[in-house]
């Protein structure tokens, strides 16, 4: 799932619509991912409905994690170009922490 999320980011398939809303083009459709006021991510895909997590929400989480380290970036709507989406490698502990924190 992590590799799939990273691939969507690298291919530029994640578009920020506003402060809490992203459009993610997945392998089976285009989905809206929203970060709730409680900090939890929500996606409209079947996988999220079934499991409570998905690669679309994970892709948004990875982007937001990177953005949090760059506070000088603008808050306006923007497309996230593929060439700027190089994420650091996440280990199993990072993934487990993400799942515990968010889901």
PDB file of N, CA and C in Angstrom:
ATOM      1  N   UNK A   1       0.815  -1.192   0.000  1.00  0.00           N
ATOM      2  CA  UNK A   1       0.000   0.000   0.000  1.00  0.00           C
ATOM      3  C   UNK A   1       0.863   1.262   0.000  1.00  0.00           C
ATOM      4  N   UNK A   2       1.969   1.239   0.717  1.00  0.00           N
ATOM      5  CA  UNK A   2       2.846   2.406   0.766  1.00  0.00           C
ATOM      6  C   UNK A   2       3.428   2.694  -0.616  1.00  0.00           C
ATOM      7  N   UNK A   3       3.871   1.657  -1.294  1.00  0.00           N
ATOM      8  CA  UNK A   3       4.440   1.852  -2.634  1.00  0.00           C
ATOM      9  C   UNK A   3       3.397   2.396  -3.597  1.00  0.00           C
ATOM     10  N   UNK A   4       2.165   1.910  -3.493  1.00  0.00           N
ATOM     11  CA  UNK A   4       1.083   2.404  -4.353  1.00  0.00           C
ATOM     12  C   UNK A   4       0.825   3.888  -4.081  1.00  0.00           C
ATOM     13  N   UNK A   5       0.809   4.272  -2.811  1.00  0.00           N
ATOM     14  CA  UNK A   5       0.600   5.677  -2.443  1.00  0.00           C
ATOM     15  C   UNK A   5       1.729   6.550  -2.990  1.00  0.00           C
ATOM     16  N   UNK A   6       2.968   6.087  -2.824  1.00  0.00           N
ATOM     17  CA  UNK A   6       4.115   6.838  -3.335  1.00  0.00           C
ATOM     18  C   UNK A   6       4.064   6.966  -4.855  1.00  0.00           C
ATOM     19  N   UNK A   7       3.625   5.919  -5.522  1.00  0.00           N
ATOM     20  CA  UNK A   7       3.537   5.947  -6.987  1.00  0.00           C
ATOM     21  C   UNK A   7       2.524   6.995  -7.451  1.00  0.00           C
ATOM     22  N   UNK A   8       1.386   7.078  -6.773  1.00  0.00           N
ATOM     23  CA  UNK A   8       0.381   8.094  -7.130  1.00  0.00           C
ATOM     24  C   UNK A   8       0.959   9.496  -6.955  1.00  0.00           C
ATOM     25  N   UNK A   9       1.739   9.690  -5.902  1.00  0.00           N
ATOM     26  CA  UNK A   9       2.366  10.996  -5.664  1.00  0.00           C
ATOM     27  C   UNK A   9       3.372  11.294  -6.769  1.00  0.00           C
ATOM     28  N   UNK A  10       4.244  10.342  -7.047  1.00  0.00           N
ATOM     29  CA  UNK A  10       5.281  10.541  -8.068  1.00  0.00           C
ATOM     30  C   UNK A  10       4.691  10.836  -9.437  1.00  0.00           C
ATOM     31  N   UNK A  11       3.545  10.227  -9.737  1.00  0.00           N
ATOM     32  CA  UNK A  11       2.903  10.428 -11.042  1.00  0.00           C
ATOM     33  C   UNK A  11       2.037  11.685 -11.079  1.00  0.00           C
ATOM     34  N   UNK A  12       1.996  12.435  -9.987  1.00  0.00           N
ATOM     35  CA  UNK A  12       1.227  13.680  -9.965  1.00  0.00           C
ATOM     36  C   UNK A  12      -0.268  13.473  -9.940  1.00  0.00           C
ATOM     37  N   UNK A  13      -0.717  12.370  -9.350  1.00  0.00           N
ATOM     38  CA  UNK A  13      -2.148  12.051  -9.340  1.00  0.00           C
ATOM     39  C   UNK A  13      -2.863  12.539  -8.084  1.00  0.00           C
ATOM     40  N   UNK A  14      -2.211  13.403  -7.307  1.00  0.00           N
ATOM     41  CA  UNK A  14      -2.816  13.964  -6.104  1.00  0.00           C
ATOM     42  C   UNK A  14      -2.886  15.476  -6.280  1.00  0.00           C
ATOM     43  N   UNK A  15      -4.087  16.020  -6.194  1.00  0.00           N
ATOM     44  CA  UNK A  15      -4.289  17.458  -6.382  1.00  0.00           C
ATOM     45  C   UNK A  15      -4.970  18.030  -5.141  1.00  0.00           C
ATOM     46  N   UNK A  16      -4.370  19.061  -4.593  1.00  0.00           N
ATOM     47  CA  UNK A  16      -4.947  19.725  -3.427  1.00  0.00           C
ATOM     48  C   UNK A  16      -6.037  20.674  -3.894  1.00  0.00           C
ATOM     49  N   UNK A  17      -7.247  20.500  -3.368  1.00  0.00           N
ATOM     50  CA  UNK A  17      -8.366  21.351  -3.746  1.00  0.00           C
ATOM     51  C   UNK A  17      -8.538  22.518  -2.793  1.00  0.00           C
ATOM     52  N   UNK A  18      -8.359  22.259  -1.513  1.00  0.00           N
ATOM     53  CA  UNK A  18      -8.373  23.313  -0.504  1.00  0.00           C
ATOM     54  C   UNK A  18      -7.587  22.814   0.702  1.00  0.00           C
ATOM     55  N   UNK A  19      -7.670  23.519   1.800  1.00  0.00           N
ATOM     56  CA  UNK A  19      -6.825  23.195   2.957  1.00  0.00           C
ATOM     57  C   UNK A  19      -6.989  21.764   3.467  1.00  0.00           C
ATOM     58  N   UNK A  20      -8.207  21.230   3.388  1.00  0.00           N
ATOM     59  CA  UNK A  20      -8.486  19.908   3.938  1.00  0.00           C
ATOM     60  C   UNK A  20      -8.954  18.884   2.910  1.00  0.00           C
ATOM     61  N   UNK A  21      -8.966  19.237   1.647  1.00  0.00           N
ATOM     62  CA  UNK A  21      -9.540  18.366   0.632  1.00  0.00           C
ATOM     63  C   UNK A  21      -8.566  18.139  -0.524  1.00  0.00           C
ATOM     64  N   UNK A  22      -8.437  16.871  -0.918  1.00  0.00           N
ATOM     65  CA  UNK A  22      -7.586  16.476  -2.035  1.00  0.00           C
ATOM     66  C   UNK A  22      -8.368  15.617  -3.006  1.00  0.00           C
ATOM     67  N   UNK A  23      -7.993  15.692  -4.262  1.00  0.00           N
ATOM     68  CA  UNK A  23      -8.509  14.800  -5.293  1.00  0.00           C
ATOM     69  C   UNK A  23      -7.384  13.832  -5.641  1.00  0.00           C
ATOM     70  N   UNK A  24      -7.675  12.536  -5.585  1.00  0.00           N
ATOM     71  CA  UNK A  24      -6.663  11.526  -5.859  1.00  0.00           C
ATOM     72  C   UNK A  24      -7.170  10.629  -6.990  1.00  0.00           C
ATOM     73  N   UNK A  25      -6.372  10.540  -8.050  1.00  0.00           N
ATOM     74  CA  UNK A  25      -6.710   9.656  -9.161  1.00  0.00           C
ATOM     75  C   UNK A  25      -6.082   8.303  -8.863  1.00  0.00           C
ATOM     76  N   UNK A  26      -6.937   7.347  -8.524  1.00  0.00           N
ATOM     77  CA  UNK A  26      -6.484   5.994  -8.214  1.00  0.00           C
ATOM     78  C   UNK A  26      -6.510   5.110  -9.447  1.00  0.00           C
ATOM     79  N   UNK A  27      -6.237   3.843  -9.237  1.00  0.00           N
ATOM     80  CA  UNK A  27      -6.237   2.883 -10.353  1.00  0.00           C
ATOM     81  C   UNK A  27      -7.639   2.565 -10.853  1.00  0.00           C
ATOM     82  N   UNK A  28      -8.653   2.778  -9.998  1.00  0.00           N
ATOM     83  CA  UNK A  28     -10.021   2.392 -10.359  1.00  0.00           C
ATOM     84  C   UNK A  28     -11.002   3.559 -10.347  1.00  0.00           C
ATOM     85  N   UNK A  29     -10.496   4.773 -10.250  1.00  0.00           N
ATOM     86  CA  UNK A  29     -11.371   5.929 -10.237  1.00  0.00           C
ATOM     87  C   UNK A  29     -10.702   7.117  -9.575  1.00  0.00           C
ATOM     88  N   UNK A  30     -11.443   8.220  -9.525  1.00  0.00           N
ATOM     89  CA  UNK A  30     -10.969   9.445  -8.893  1.00  0.00           C
ATOM     90  C   UNK A  30     -11.734   9.626  -7.592  1.00  0.00           C
ATOM     91  N   UNK A  31     -10.998   9.888  -6.521  1.00  0.00           N
ATOM     92  CA  UNK A  31     -11.589   9.935  -5.193  1.00  0.00           C
ATOM     93  C   UNK A  31     -11.253  11.241  -4.489  1.00  0.00           C
ATOM     94  N   UNK A  32     -12.124  11.623  -3.569  1.00  0.00           N
ATOM     95  CA  UNK A  32     -11.908  12.790  -2.733  1.00  0.00           C
ATOM     96  C   UNK A  32     -11.463  12.295  -1.362  1.00  0.00           C
ATOM     97  N   UNK A  33     -10.349  12.850  -0.885  1.00  0.00           N
ATOM     98  CA  UNK A  33      -9.841  12.533   0.448  1.00  0.00           C
ATOM     99  C   UNK A  33      -9.943  13.811   1.266  1.00  0.00           C
ATOM    100  N   UNK A  34     -10.553  13.693   2.445  1.00  0.00           N
ATOM    101  CA  UNK A  34     -10.764  14.838   3.331  1.00  0.00           C
ATOM    102  C   UNK A  34     -10.077  14.566   4.661  1.00  0.00           C
ATOM    103  N   UNK A  35      -9.395  15.588   5.162  1.00  0.00           N
ATOM    104  CA  UNK A  35      -8.842  15.513   6.510  1.00  0.00           C
ATOM    105  C   UNK A  35      -9.833  16.192   7.434  1.00  0.00           C
ATOM    106  N   UNK A  36     -10.396  15.426   8.357  1.00  0.00           N
ATOM    107  CA  UNK A  36     -11.394  15.949   9.275  1.00  0.00           C
ATOM    108  C   UNK A  36     -10.796  16.857  10.330  1.00  0.00           C
ATOM    109  N   UNK A  37     -11.645  17.551  11.051  1.00  0.00           N
ATOM    110  CA  UNK A  37     -11.191  18.445  12.109  1.00  0.00           C
ATOM    111  C   UNK A  37     -10.501  17.678  13.228  1.00  0.00           C
ATOM    112  N   UNK A  38     -10.767  16.387  13.323  1.00  0.00           N
ATOM    113  CA  UNK A  38     -10.109  15.551  14.328  1.00  0.00           C
ATOM    114  C   UNK A  38      -8.759  15.030  13.848  1.00  0.00           C
ATOM    115  N   UNK A  39      -8.376  15.391  12.604  1.00  0.00           N
ATOM    116  CA  UNK A  39      -7.095  14.962  12.054  1.00  0.00           C
ATOM    117  C   UNK A  39      -7.144  13.635  11.322  1.00  0.00           C
ATOM    118  N   UNK A  40      -8.282  12.967  11.337  1.00  0.00           N
ATOM    119  CA  UNK A  40      -8.426  11.685  10.646  1.00  0.00           C
ATOM    120  C   UNK A  40      -8.717  11.919   9.165  1.00  0.00           C
ATOM    121  N   UNK A  41      -8.226  11.011   8.332  1.00  0.00           N
ATOM    122  CA  UNK A  41      -8.435  11.085   6.891  1.00  0.00           C
ATOM    123  C   UNK A  41      -9.614  10.202   6.506  1.00  0.00           C
ATOM    124  N   UNK A  42     -10.374  10.667   5.498  1.00  0.00           N
ATOM    125  CA  UNK A  42     -11.536   9.923   5.021  1.00  0.00           C
ATOM    126  C   UNK A  42     -11.520   9.916   3.494  1.00  0.00           C
ATOM    127  N   UNK A  43     -11.782   8.758   2.900  1.00  0.00           N
ATOM    128  CA  UNK A  43     -11.806   8.620   1.449  1.00  0.00           C
ATOM    129  C   UNK A  43     -13.105   7.947   1.034  1.00  0.00           C
ATOM    130  N   UNK A  44     -13.562   8.276  -0.170  1.00  0.00           N
ATOM    131  CA  UNK A  44     -14.808   7.714  -0.674  1.00  0.00           C
ATOM    132  C   UNK A  44     -14.659   6.395  -1.407  1.00  0.00           C
ATOM    133  N   UNK A  45     -13.465   5.820  -1.423  1.00  0.00           N
ATOM    134  CA  UNK A  45     -13.274   4.569  -2.171  1.00  0.00           C
ATOM    135  C   UNK A  45     -13.817   3.357  -1.411  1.00  0.00           C
ATOM    136  N   UNK A  46     -14.024   2.272  -2.131  1.00  0.00           N
ATOM    137  CA  UNK A  46     -14.536   1.044  -1.543  1.00  0.00           C
ATOM    138  C   UNK A  46     -13.576   0.473  -0.494  1.00  0.00           C
ATOM    139  N   UNK A  47     -12.284   0.540  -0.766  1.00  0.00           N
ATOM    140  CA  UNK A  47     -11.295   0.028   0.182  1.00  0.00           C
ATOM    141  C   UNK A  47     -11.381   0.720   1.526  1.00  0.00           C
ATOM    142  N   UNK A  48     -11.534   2.038   1.519  1.00  0.00           N
ATOM    143  CA  UNK A  48     -11.646   2.773   2.774  1.00  0.00           C
ATOM    144  C   UNK A  48     -12.936   2.399   3.487  1.00  0.00           C
ATOM    145  N   UNK A  49     -14.015   2.267   2.721  1.00  0.00           N
ATOM    146  CA  UNK A  49     -15.301   1.889   3.308  1.00  0.00           C
ATOM    147  C   UNK A  49     -15.209   0.521   3.977  1.00  0.00           C
ATOM    148  N   UNK A  50     -14.494  -0.398   3.345  1.00  0.00           N
ATOM    149  CA  UNK A  50     -14.369  -1.763   3.861  1.00  0.00           C
ATOM    150  C   UNK A  50     -13.360  -1.874   4.995  1.00  0.00           C
ATOM    151  N   UNK A  51     -12.172  -1.303   4.804  1.00  0.00           N
ATOM    152  CA  UNK A  51     -11.065  -1.497   5.752  1.00  0.00           C
ATOM    153  C   UNK A  51     -10.838  -0.329   6.702  1.00  0.00           C
ATOM    154  N   UNK A  52     -11.307   0.851   6.331  1.00  0.00           N
ATOM    155  CA  UNK A  52     -11.054   2.027   7.156  1.00  0.00           C
ATOM    156  C   UNK A  52      -9.743   2.716   6.849  1.00  0.00           C
ATOM    157  N   UNK A  53      -9.042   2.271   5.809  1.00  0.00           N
ATOM    158  CA  UNK A  53      -7.827   2.921   5.334  1.00  0.00           C
ATOM    159  C   UNK A  53      -7.631   2.549   3.871  1.00  0.00           C
ATOM    160  N   UNK A  54      -6.802   3.345   3.174  1.00  0.00           N
ATOM    161  CA  UNK A  54      -6.562   3.089   1.755  1.00  0.00           C
ATOM    162  C   UNK A  54      -5.306   3.826   1.294  1.00  0.00           C
ATOM    163  N   UNK A  55      -4.843   3.485   0.115  1.00  0.00           N
ATOM    164  CA  UNK A  55      -3.639   4.119  -0.430  1.00  0.00           C
ATOM    165  C   UNK A  55      -3.885   5.584  -0.789  1.00  0.00           C
ATOM    166  N   UNK A  56      -5.118   5.955  -1.095  1.00  0.00           N
ATOM    167  CA  UNK A  56      -5.428   7.352  -1.447  1.00  0.00           C
ATOM    168  C   UNK A  56      -5.225   8.241  -0.219  1.00  0.00           C
ATOM    169  N   UNK A  57      -5.778   7.814   0.914  1.00  0.00           N
ATOM    170  CA  UNK A  57      -5.617   8.580   2.158  1.00  0.00           C
ATOM    171  C   UNK A  57      -4.155   8.583   2.599  1.00  0.00           C
ATOM    172  N   UNK A  58      -3.467   7.473   2.400  1.00  0.00           N
ATOM    173  CA  UNK A  58      -2.057   7.400   2.758  1.00  0.00           C
ATOM    174  C   UNK A  58      -1.229   8.367   1.909  1.00  0.00           C
ATOM    175  N   UNK A  59      -1.558   8.485   0.628  1.00  0.00           N
ATOM    176  CA  UNK A  59      -0.850   9.426  -0.249  1.00  0.00           C
ATOM    177  C   UNK A  59      -1.016  10.859   0.262  1.00  0.00           C
ATOM    178  N   UNK A  60      -2.228  11.198   0.663  1.00  0.00           N
ATOM    179  CA  UNK A  60      -2.474  12.542   1.203  1.00  0.00           C
ATOM    180  C   UNK A  60      -1.706  12.737   2.505  1.00  0.00           C
ATOM    181  N   UNK A  61      -1.713  11.738   3.360  1.00  0.00           N
ATOM    182  CA  UNK A  61      -0.964  11.813   4.608  1.00  0.00           C
ATOM    183  C   UNK A  61       0.522  12.068   4.343  1.00  0.00           C
ATOM    184  N   UNK A  62       1.098  11.353   3.392  1.00  0.00           N
ATOM    185  CA  UNK A  62       2.519  11.513   3.077  1.00  0.00           C
ATOM    186  C   UNK A  62       2.814  12.926   2.578  1.00  0.00           C
ATOM    187  N   UNK A  63       1.922  13.457   1.748  1.00  0.00           N
ATOM    188  CA  UNK A  63       2.097  14.822   1.242  1.00  0.00           C
ATOM    189  C   UNK A  63       2.002  15.825   2.384  1.00  0.00           C
ATOM    190  N   UNK A  64       1.012  15.650   3.244  1.00  0.00           N
ATOM    191  CA  UNK A  64       0.853  16.587   4.356  1.00  0.00           C
ATOM    192  C   UNK A  64       2.014  16.490   5.340  1.00  0.00           C
ATOM    193  N   UNK A  65       2.534  15.299   5.526  1.00  0.00           N
ATOM    194  CA  UNK A  65       3.692  15.127   6.406  1.00  0.00           C
ATOM    195  C   UNK A  65       4.878  15.919   5.850  1.00  0.00           C
ATOM    196  N   UNK A  66       5.051  15.868   4.538  1.00  0.00           N
ATOM    197  CA  UNK A  66       6.137  16.607   3.899  1.00  0.00           C
ATOM    198  C   UNK A  66       5.878  18.116   3.983  1.00  0.00           C
ATOM    199  N   UNK A  67       4.655  18.527   3.749  1.00  0.00           N
ATOM    200  CA  UNK A  67       4.302  19.950   3.801  1.00  0.00           C
ATOM    201  C   UNK A  67       4.500  20.526   5.199  1.00  0.00           C
ATOM    202  N   UNK A  68       4.250  19.718   6.228  1.00  0.00           N
ATOM    203  CA  UNK A  68       4.389  20.189   7.599  1.00  0.00           C
ATOM    204  C   UNK A  68       5.832  20.593   7.900  1.00  0.00           C
ATOM    205  N   UNK A  69       6.761  20.011   7.170  1.00  0.00           N
ATOM    206  CA  UNK A  69       8.167  20.368   7.350  1.00  0.00           C
ATOM    207  C   UNK A  69       8.538  21.596   6.545  1.00  0.00           C
ATOM    208  N   UNK A  70       7.623  22.123   5.736  1.00  0.00           N
ATOM    209  CA  UNK A  70       7.881  23.296   4.901  1.00  0.00           C
ATOM    210  C   UNK A  70       6.802  24.347   5.158  1.00  0.00           C
ATOM    211  N   UNK A  71       6.814  25.023   6.304  1.00  0.00           N
ATOM    212  CA  UNK A  71       5.755  25.976   6.638  1.00  0.00           C
ATOM    213  C   UNK A  71       5.706  27.202   5.734  1.00  0.00           C
ATOM    214  N   UNK A  72       6.748  27.450   4.963  1.00  0.00           N
ATOM    215  CA  UNK A  72       6.756  28.623   4.095  1.00  0.00           C
ATOM    216  C   UNK A  72       5.897  28.442   2.844  1.00  0.00           C
ATOM    217  N   UNK A  73       5.393  27.211   2.602  1.00  0.00           N
ATOM    218  CA  UNK A  73       4.583  26.983   1.408  1.00  0.00           C
ATOM    219  C   UNK A  73       3.223  27.650   1.538  1.00  0.00           C
ATOM    220  N   UNK A  74       2.629  27.970   0.400  1.00  0.00           N
ATOM    221  CA  UNK A  74       1.340  28.635   0.347  1.00  0.00           C
ATOM    222  C   UNK A  74       0.214  27.690   0.766  1.00  0.00           C
ATOM    223  N   UNK A  75      -0.878  28.267   1.278  1.00  0.00           N
ATOM    224  CA  UNK A  75      -2.054  27.504   1.680  1.00  0.00           C
ATOM    225  C   UNK A  75      -3.103  27.439   0.572  1.00  0.00           C
ATOM    226  N   UNK A  76      -2.862  28.088  -0.549  1.00  0.00           N
ATOM    227  CA  UNK A  76      -3.870  28.128  -1.608  1.00  0.00           C
ATOM    228  C   UNK A  76      -3.927  26.817  -2.378  1.00  0.00           C
ATOM    229  N   UNK A  77      -4.984  26.677  -3.197  1.00  0.00           N
ATOM    230  CA  UNK A  77      -5.151  25.485  -4.013  1.00  0.00           C
ATOM    231  C   UNK A  77      -3.994  25.373  -4.996  1.00  0.00           C
ATOM    232  N   UNK A  78      -3.450  24.169  -5.125  1.00  0.00           N
ATOM    233  CA  UNK A  78      -2.312  23.986  -6.009  1.00  0.00           C
ATOM    234  C   UNK A  78      -2.233  22.540  -6.475  1.00  0.00           C
ATOM    235  N   UNK A  79      -1.715  22.344  -7.642  1.00  0.00           N
ATOM    236  CA  UNK A  79      -1.419  21.010  -8.148  1.00  0.00           C
ATOM    237  C   UNK A  79      -0.031  20.635  -7.634  1.00  0.00           C
ATOM    238  N   UNK A  80       0.146  19.414  -7.221  1.00  0.00           N
ATOM    239  CA  UNK A  80       1.426  18.966  -6.694  1.00  0.00           C
ATOM    240  C   UNK A  80       2.169  18.235  -7.790  1.00  0.00           C
ATOM    241  N   UNK A  81       3.154  18.893  -8.432  1.00  0.00           N
ATOM    242  CA  UNK A  81       3.853  18.281  -9.556  1.00  0.00           C
ATOM    243  C   UNK A  81       4.623  17.028  -9.141  1.00  0.00           C
ATOM    244  N   UNK A  82       4.687  16.083 -10.046  1.00  0.00           N
ATOM    245  CA  UNK A  82       5.330  14.797  -9.772  1.00  0.00           C
ATOM    246  C   UNK A  82       6.783  14.961  -9.359  1.00  0.00           C
ATOM    247  N   UNK A  83       7.499  15.888  -9.971  1.00  0.00           N
ATOM    248  CA  UNK A  83       8.927  16.005  -9.682  1.00  0.00           C
ATOM    249  C   UNK A  83       9.221  16.510  -8.270  1.00  0.00           C
ATOM    250  N   UNK A  84       8.219  17.057  -7.575  1.00  0.00           N
ATOM    251  CA  UNK A  84       8.447  17.540  -6.217  1.00  0.00           C
ATOM    252  C   UNK A  84       7.979  16.543  -5.167  1.00  0.00           C
ATOM    253  N   UNK A  85       7.611  15.366  -5.590  1.00  0.00           N
ATOM    254  CA  UNK A  85       6.995  14.417  -4.684  1.00  0.00           C
ATOM    255  C   UNK A  85       7.901  13.277  -4.257  1.00  0.00           C
ATOM    256  N   UNK A  86       9.148  13.539  -3.988  1.00  0.00           N
ATOM    257  CA  UNK A  86      10.055  12.494  -3.543  1.00  0.00           C
ATOM    258  C   UNK A  86       9.957  12.368  -2.033  1.00  0.00           C
ATOM    259  N   UNK A  87       9.375  11.290  -1.568  1.00  0.00           N
ATOM    260  CA  UNK A  87       9.190  11.043  -0.142  1.00  0.00           C
ATOM    261  C   UNK A  87      10.337  10.213   0.407  1.00  0.00           C
ATOM    262  N   UNK A  88      10.611  10.397   1.691  1.00  0.00           N
ATOM    263  CA  UNK A  88      11.602   9.569   2.333  1.00  0.00           C
ATOM    264  C   UNK A  88      11.037   8.159   2.499  1.00  0.00           C
ATOM    265  N   UNK A  89      11.929   7.206   2.672  1.00  0.00           N
ATOM    266  CA  UNK A  89      11.503   5.827   2.860  1.00  0.00           C
ATOM    267  C   UNK A  89      10.840   5.680   4.224  1.00  0.00           C
ATOM    268  N   UNK A  90       9.714   5.017   4.253  1.00  0.00           N
ATOM    269  CA  UNK A  90       9.037   4.749   5.506  1.00  0.00           C
ATOM    270  C   UNK A  90       9.290   3.312   5.910  1.00  0.00           C
ATOM    271  N   UNK A  91       9.608   3.119   7.151  1.00  0.00           N
ATOM    272  CA  UNK A  91       9.813   1.783   7.661  1.00  0.00           C
ATOM    273  C   UNK A  91       8.525   1.232   8.254  1.00  0.00           C
ATOM    274  N   UNK A  92       8.532  -0.029   8.637  1.00  0.00           N
ATOM    275  CA  UNK A  92       7.339  -0.650   9.223  1.00  0.00           C
ATOM    276  C   UNK A  92       6.832   0.095  10.466  1.00  0.00           C
ATOM    277  N   UNK A  93       7.746   0.623  11.284  1.00  0.00           N
ATOM    278  CA  UNK A  93       7.328   1.354  12.481  1.00  0.00           C
ATOM    279  C   UNK A  93       6.554   2.619  12.110  1.00  0.00           C
ATOM    280  N   UNK A  94       7.000   3.303  11.040  1.00  0.00           N
ATOM    281  CA  UNK A  94       6.310   4.515  10.592  1.00  0.00           C
ATOM    282  C   UNK A  94       4.895   4.197  10.131  1.00  0.00           C
ATOM    283  N   UNK A  95       4.759   3.116   9.387  1.00  0.00           N
ATOM    284  CA  UNK A  95       3.447   2.726   8.859  1.00  0.00           C
ATOM    285  C   UNK A  95       2.521   2.336  10.003  1.00  0.00           C
ATOM    286  N   UNK A  96       3.015   1.538  10.943  1.00  0.00           N
ATOM    287  CA  UNK A  96       2.194   1.148  12.086  1.00  0.00           C
ATOM    288  C   UNK A  96       1.780   2.361  12.907  1.00  0.00           C
ATOM    289  N   UNK A  97       2.699   3.299  13.111  1.00  0.00           N
ATOM    290  CA  UNK A  97       2.359   4.505  13.863  1.00  0.00           C
ATOM    291  C   UNK A  97       1.290   5.310  13.137  1.00  0.00           C
ATOM    292  N   UNK A  98       1.418   5.419  11.823  1.00  0.00           N
ATOM    293  CA  UNK A  98       0.428   6.131  11.022  1.00  0.00           C
ATOM    294  C   UNK A  98      -0.947   5.495  11.180  1.00  0.00           C
ATOM    295  N   UNK A  99      -1.004   4.178  11.051  1.00  0.00           N
ATOM    296  CA  UNK A  99      -2.280   3.477  11.169  1.00  0.00           C
ATOM    297  C   UNK A  99      -2.871   3.621  12.576  1.00  0.00           C
ATOM    298  N   UNK A 100      -2.042   3.549  13.595  1.00  0.00           N
ATOM    299  CA  UNK A 100      -2.515   3.708  14.973  1.00  0.00           C
ATOM    300  C   UNK A 100      -3.031   5.121  15.215  1.00  0.00           C
ATOM    301  N   UNK A 101      -2.314   6.113  14.711  1.00  0.00           N
ATOM    302  CA  UNK A 101      -2.686   7.500  14.925  1.00  0.00           C
ATOM    303  C   UNK A 101      -3.940   7.894  14.157  1.00  0.00           C
ATOM    304  N   UNK A 102      -4.037   7.423  12.924  1.00  0.00           N
ATOM    305  CA  UNK A 102      -5.098   7.895  12.042  1.00  0.00           C
ATOM    306  C   UNK A 102      -6.312   6.982  11.976  1.00  0.00           C
ATOM    307  N   UNK A 103      -6.103   5.684  12.154  1.00  0.00           N
ATOM    308  CA  UNK A 103      -7.243   4.764  12.026  1.00  0.00           C
ATOM    309  C   UNK A 103      -7.316   3.946  13.246  1.00  0.00           C
TER     310      UNK A 103
END
